[in-house]
């Protein structure tokens, strides 16, 4: 199925739809879908594209497991892109994360015995490197990592009892969260929204480490959360997340928007393969 079909659920008289940038492990492409669910653009990607962002100039920065690249989509034809810059991860390491930050980008590099938080300039040249040890092997540590407004870093371990952690600019772990295997995002209210991967849940944690909101595996009738992947807290307070099915245990839609009281606002059709690990609402 080449076109993403949306199961639209009405909230009052408003159709809750979004223009989306999506990618993922085993999804096979990076793609943009219009608010009516039609595919605007895509490019094939066989590797694990666990993170992608639309930049202000309409280029895309994306992690692809073995590096990070900046591409210029062929919006007119609806497929393909020019590679503007490519930074392969050295020494057979893995890169699953990228984030635009002031002056460039943030990425995470993982190797057998060590992982690094790395800042890059706009040309993908390294400007800062923070070493972290003891997090596990190259595929069991970082997924998405994020820099916060406080100039700290939110990191995640995918496996080995993985949790989300907060690290300062020297690499010291200053906070450990109750859970978290895929991504942690600092919210405007100071809380931290965390997708917990194979623990099948999404949690919101306040500055005192109390879980103030949680979406558990079977909280939504007819949907079982598999690997909880990419998340986004929307301006209206709803939470958008990816229900990735690669490790089993998933049932229902691959992208879901829920209200604070855990009601489904809209979701993709259950017929779409649950391999979307990254989602961004874009303009």
Protein backbone atom coordinates (compact mmCIF):
# COMPACT_ATOMS: atom_id res chain seq x y z
CA UNK A 1 0.00 0.00 0.00
CA UNK A 2 1.74 3.14 -1.23
CA UNK A 3 -0.71 5.69 0.12
CA UNK A 4 -1.15 6.21 3.83
CA UNK A 5 -4.89 6.05 4.54
CA UNK A 6 -6.06 7.87 7.61
CA UNK A 7 -8.83 6.69 9.88
CA UNK A 8 -10.13 10.11 10.85
CA UNK A 9 -12.08 10.45 14.06
CA UNK A 10 -14.03 13.64 14.67
CA UNK A 11 -13.62 15.80 17.74
CA UNK A 12 -16.72 17.97 17.68
CA UNK A 13 -16.73 19.33 14.14
CA UNK A 14 -12.95 19.42 13.77
CA UNK A 15 -11.06 16.88 11.67
CA UNK A 16 -7.81 16.26 13.51
CA UNK A 17 -5.32 15.82 10.70
CA UNK A 18 -1.70 16.85 10.27
CA UNK A 19 0.98 17.07 7.62
CA UNK A 20 3.56 14.50 8.69
CA UNK A 21 7.20 13.59 8.16
CA UNK A 22 7.67 9.88 8.89
CA UNK A 23 10.47 7.32 8.81
CA UNK A 24 11.53 4.27 10.76
CA UNK A 25 13.31 0.96 11.12
CA UNK A 26 12.18 -1.42 8.35
CA UNK A 27 9.73 1.19 7.06
CA UNK A 28 11.71 1.39 3.84
CA UNK A 29 11.49 5.11 3.19
CA UNK A 30 11.42 8.63 4.52
CA UNK A 31 8.17 10.27 3.49
CA UNK A 32 5.95 13.32 3.81
CA UNK A 33 2.18 12.95 3.88
CA UNK A 34 -0.35 15.72 3.35
CA UNK A 35 -3.17 16.42 5.80
CA UNK A 36 -5.56 14.34 3.66
CA UNK A 37 -3.25 11.31 3.93
CA UNK A 38 -1.84 11.41 0.39
CA UNK A 39 1.89 11.01 -0.05
CA UNK A 40 3.58 14.25 -1.10
CA UNK A 41 7.13 12.95 -1.32
CA UNK A 42 9.30 9.99 -0.41
CA UNK A 43 12.76 8.54 -0.79
CA UNK A 44 13.70 4.90 -0.34
CA UNK A 45 15.85 4.15 2.74
CA UNK A 46 16.74 0.56 3.58
CA UNK A 47 18.56 1.39 6.82
CA UNK A 48 17.08 2.34 10.18
CA UNK A 49 16.01 5.94 9.68
CA UNK A 50 14.94 6.48 13.28
CA UNK A 51 15.08 10.28 13.22
CA UNK A 52 14.32 12.93 10.58
CA UNK A 53 13.50 16.65 10.65
CA UNK A 54 12.21 19.11 8.06
CA UNK A 55 14.44 22.19 8.15
CA UNK A 56 13.19 25.78 7.66
CA UNK A 57 14.52 25.80 4.07
CA UNK A 58 12.59 22.58 3.28
CA UNK A 59 15.70 20.39 3.28
CA UNK A 60 15.65 17.32 5.54
CA UNK A 61 18.26 16.16 8.03
CA UNK A 62 18.06 12.45 8.80
CA UNK A 63 19.89 9.75 10.74
CA UNK A 64 20.18 6.45 8.88
CA UNK A 65 21.86 4.07 11.38
CA UNK A 66 25.31 4.43 9.84
CA UNK A 67 25.49 8.20 9.75
CA UNK A 68 23.62 11.45 9.26
CA UNK A 69 22.90 13.29 6.03
CA UNK A 70 21.21 16.40 4.75
CA UNK A 71 19.06 15.96 1.66
CA UNK A 72 17.11 18.28 -0.63
CA UNK A 73 13.88 16.55 -1.62
CA UNK A 74 12.64 16.71 -5.19
CA UNK A 75 9.30 18.13 -4.14
CA UNK A 76 8.17 18.67 -7.73
CA UNK A 77 8.44 15.03 -8.80
CA UNK A 78 7.39 13.71 -5.40
CA UNK A 79 10.31 11.32 -4.99
CA UNK A 80 14.06 11.25 -4.58
CA UNK A 81 16.47 13.85 -3.25
CA UNK A 82 19.86 15.44 -3.75
CA UNK A 83 22.33 14.55 -1.02
CA UNK A 84 23.80 17.87 0.13
CA UNK A 85 26.03 16.49 2.86
CA UNK A 86 26.72 13.08 4.37
CA UNK A 87 28.61 12.21 7.54
CA UNK A 88 29.11 8.44 7.94
CA UNK A 89 29.68 7.20 11.47
CA UNK A 90 33.33 6.12 11.79
CA UNK A 91 34.60 2.70 12.87
CA UNK A 92 31.36 0.83 12.13
CA UNK A 93 29.44 2.74 14.76
CA UNK A 94 25.71 3.48 14.71
CA UNK A 95 23.82 6.77 14.58
CA UNK A 96 20.09 6.67 15.25
CA UNK A 97 19.48 10.28 16.26
CA UNK A 98 19.72 13.79 14.90
CA UNK A 99 18.29 17.08 16.15
CA UNK A 100 18.55 20.60 14.76
CA UNK A 101 20.06 22.89 17.41
CA UNK A 102 21.19 26.53 17.19
CA UNK A 103 24.20 26.64 14.87
CA UNK A 104 23.93 23.06 13.66
CA UNK A 105 22.86 19.60 14.75
CA UNK A 106 23.05 17.11 17.61
CA UNK A 107 23.70 13.43 16.94
CA UNK A 108 24.46 10.35 19.01
CA UNK A 109 27.17 7.86 18.04
CA UNK A 110 27.41 4.41 19.61
CA UNK A 111 30.21 1.84 19.48
CA UNK A 112 30.99 -1.46 21.20
CA UNK A 113 32.18 -0.02 24.51
CA UNK A 114 31.50 3.71 24.31
CA UNK A 115 28.92 6.20 23.09
CA UNK A 116 29.26 9.87 22.24
CA UNK A 117 27.01 12.90 22.25
CA UNK A 118 28.24 14.92 19.27
CA UNK A 119 27.42 18.46 18.18
CA UNK A 120 27.96 19.45 14.54
CA UNK A 121 27.88 22.71 12.63
CA UNK A 122 25.59 23.24 9.65
CA UNK A 123 28.16 21.56 7.37
CA UNK A 124 28.24 18.48 9.64
CA UNK A 125 31.67 19.30 11.01
CA UNK A 126 32.20 18.26 14.63
CA UNK A 127 32.23 21.08 17.19
CA UNK A 128 31.78 19.16 20.46
CA UNK A 129 32.08 15.56 21.67
CA UNK A 130 31.00 14.12 25.02
CA UNK A 131 32.07 10.59 25.94
CA UNK A 132 29.78 8.19 27.80
CA UNK A 133 30.75 4.71 28.94
CA UNK A 134 28.87 1.86 30.58
CA UNK A 135 25.69 2.16 28.55
CA UNK A 136 26.02 -1.14 26.66
CA UNK A 137 26.87 -2.13 23.10
CA UNK A 138 26.49 -0.02 19.99
CA UNK A 139 22.98 -1.23 19.13
CA UNK A 140 21.63 -1.33 22.68
CA UNK A 141 22.31 2.26 23.70
CA UNK A 142 21.19 5.49 22.04
CA UNK A 143 18.09 5.81 20.02
CA UNK A 144 16.91 9.40 19.86
CA UNK A 145 18.75 11.92 22.04
CA UNK A 146 17.78 15.55 22.64
CA UNK A 147 19.41 18.75 23.83
CA UNK A 148 17.28 20.69 26.32
CA UNK A 149 16.78 24.45 26.74
CA UNK A 150 18.88 24.05 29.91
CA UNK A 151 21.86 22.93 27.75
CA UNK A 152 21.71 19.41 29.13
CA UNK A 153 21.12 16.25 27.10
CA UNK A 154 18.35 13.67 27.36
CA UNK A 155 19.67 10.25 26.35
CA UNK A 156 18.14 6.78 26.20
CA UNK A 157 19.24 3.15 26.39
CA UNK A 158 17.23 0.86 24.14
CA UNK A 159 18.13 -2.40 25.91
CA UNK A 160 19.85 -3.79 29.01
CA UNK A 161 17.22 -2.46 31.43
CA UNK A 162 17.18 0.76 29.47
CA UNK A 163 16.10 4.02 31.03
CA UNK A 164 16.22 7.65 30.03
CA UNK A 165 18.86 9.84 31.63
CA UNK A 166 19.88 13.49 31.70
CA UNK A 167 23.53 14.36 31.14
CA UNK A 168 25.36 17.66 31.63
CA UNK A 169 27.89 19.22 29.29
CA UNK A 170 30.73 17.26 30.89
CA UNK A 171 29.06 13.89 30.39
CA UNK A 172 28.01 13.45 34.02
CA UNK A 173 24.65 11.76 34.51
CA UNK A 174 22.66 14.21 36.62
CA UNK A 175 19.30 12.46 36.49
CA UNK A 176 17.87 9.00 35.90
CA UNK A 177 14.23 8.66 34.91
CA UNK A 178 11.88 5.83 35.95
CA UNK A 179 11.77 4.40 32.41
CA UNK A 180 12.58 5.20 28.81
CA UNK A 181 14.15 3.32 25.91
CA UNK A 182 13.51 5.37 22.76
CA UNK A 183 13.29 9.12 23.32
CA UNK A 184 12.82 11.73 26.04
CA UNK A 185 11.59 15.25 25.19
CA UNK A 186 11.68 18.23 27.55
CA UNK A 187 8.29 19.95 27.55
CA UNK A 188 7.64 23.67 27.90
CA UNK A 189 6.16 23.11 31.38
CA UNK A 190 9.46 21.61 32.56
CA UNK A 191 8.21 18.02 32.55
CA UNK A 192 9.78 15.31 30.42
CA UNK A 193 7.79 13.19 27.97
CA UNK A 194 9.33 9.75 27.46
CA UNK A 195 8.64 6.94 24.97
CA UNK A 196 9.61 3.70 26.69
CA UNK A 197 10.19 1.39 23.72
CA UNK A 198 9.75 -2.30 24.62
CA UNK A 199 8.18 -1.38 27.95
CA UNK A 200 5.08 -0.55 25.90
CA UNK A 201 4.26 2.80 27.48
CA UNK A 202 4.64 6.57 27.34
CA UNK A 203 5.15 8.57 30.52
CA UNK A 204 5.37 12.21 31.54
CA UNK A 205 7.68 12.89 34.49
CA UNK A 206 7.77 16.10 36.53
CA UNK A 207 10.98 17.73 37.91
CA UNK A 208 10.56 15.72 41.14
CA UNK A 209 10.64 12.44 39.17
CA UNK A 210 6.95 11.76 39.71
CA UNK A 211 5.01 10.21 36.85
CA UNK A 212 2.17 12.67 36.30
CA UNK A 213 0.72 11.05 33.16
CA UNK A 214 1.10 7.63 31.60
CA UNK A 215 -0.28 5.82 28.60
CA UNK A 216 0.06 2.11 29.24
CA UNK A 217 0.06 -0.75 26.76
CA UNK A 218 -3.66 -1.52 26.92
CA UNK A 219 -5.13 1.84 27.91
CA UNK A 220 -6.69 2.33 24.45
CA UNK A 221 -9.48 -0.09 23.48
CA UNK A 222 -8.57 -2.05 20.35
CA UNK A 223 -4.96 -0.88 20.37
CA UNK A 224 -1.98 -2.57 22.04
CA UNK A 225 1.14 -0.43 22.23
CA UNK A 226 4.12 -2.39 20.96
CA UNK A 227 7.49 -0.61 20.90
CA UNK A 228 6.62 2.98 21.88
CA UNK A 229 8.61 5.10 19.42
CA UNK A 230 8.63 8.70 18.28
CA UNK A 231 6.53 11.16 20.29
CA UNK A 232 5.40 14.75 20.04
CA UNK A 233 3.35 16.81 22.50
CA UNK A 234 1.13 19.03 20.39
CA UNK A 235 0.18 22.64 21.25
CA UNK A 236 -3.38 21.54 22.10
CA UNK A 237 -2.05 19.18 24.80
CA UNK A 238 -2.58 15.99 22.81
CA UNK A 239 0.22 13.46 22.39
CA UNK A 240 1.22 12.00 19.03
CA UNK A 241 3.20 8.76 19.07
CA UNK A 242 4.43 5.86 16.96
CA UNK A 243 3.26 2.34 17.74
CA UNK A 244 6.17 0.43 16.19
CA UNK A 245 5.65 -3.31 15.84
CA UNK A 246 9.07 -4.72 15.10
CA UNK A 247 9.57 -6.49 18.44
CA UNK A 248 6.07 -7.93 18.65
CA UNK A 249 3.16 -7.17 20.96
CA UNK A 250 1.59 -4.44 18.86
CA UNK A 251 -2.00 -4.21 17.71
CA UNK A 252 -3.80 -1.44 15.87
CA UNK A 253 -2.61 1.75 14.24
CA UNK A 254 0.99 2.81 13.61
CA UNK A 255 0.53 6.54 14.40
CA UNK A 256 -1.92 7.63 17.06
CA UNK A 257 -2.94 10.95 18.58
CA UNK A 258 -4.46 10.80 22.05
CA UNK A 259 -6.00 13.47 24.26
CA UNK A 260 -4.84 14.00 27.86
CA UNK A 261 -7.66 11.70 29.00
CA UNK A 262 -6.31 8.98 26.66
CA UNK A 263 -9.03 9.16 24.03
CA UNK A 264 -8.02 8.54 20.42
CA UNK A 265 -8.35 11.75 18.43
CA UNK A 266 -7.24 10.16 15.17
CA UNK A 267 -5.02 7.36 13.99
CA UNK A 268 -3.68 5.81 10.83
CA UNK A 269 -5.47 2.82 9.41
CA UNK A 270 -4.57 -0.47 11.11
CA UNK A 271 -3.83 -1.73 7.60
CA UNK A 272 -0.60 0.30 7.47
CA UNK A 273 2.42 -1.72 8.56
CA UNK A 274 3.59 -0.71 12.04
CA UNK A 275 7.14 0.17 11.06
CA UNK A 276 6.99 3.94 11.48
CA UNK A 277 9.32 4.82 14.37
CA UNK A 278 9.60 8.56 13.81
CA UNK A 279 6.87 11.14 13.27
CA UNK A 280 6.93 14.93 13.13
CA UNK A 281 4.01 17.28 12.54
CA UNK A 282 5.26 19.76 9.95
CA UNK A 283 3.91 22.83 8.17
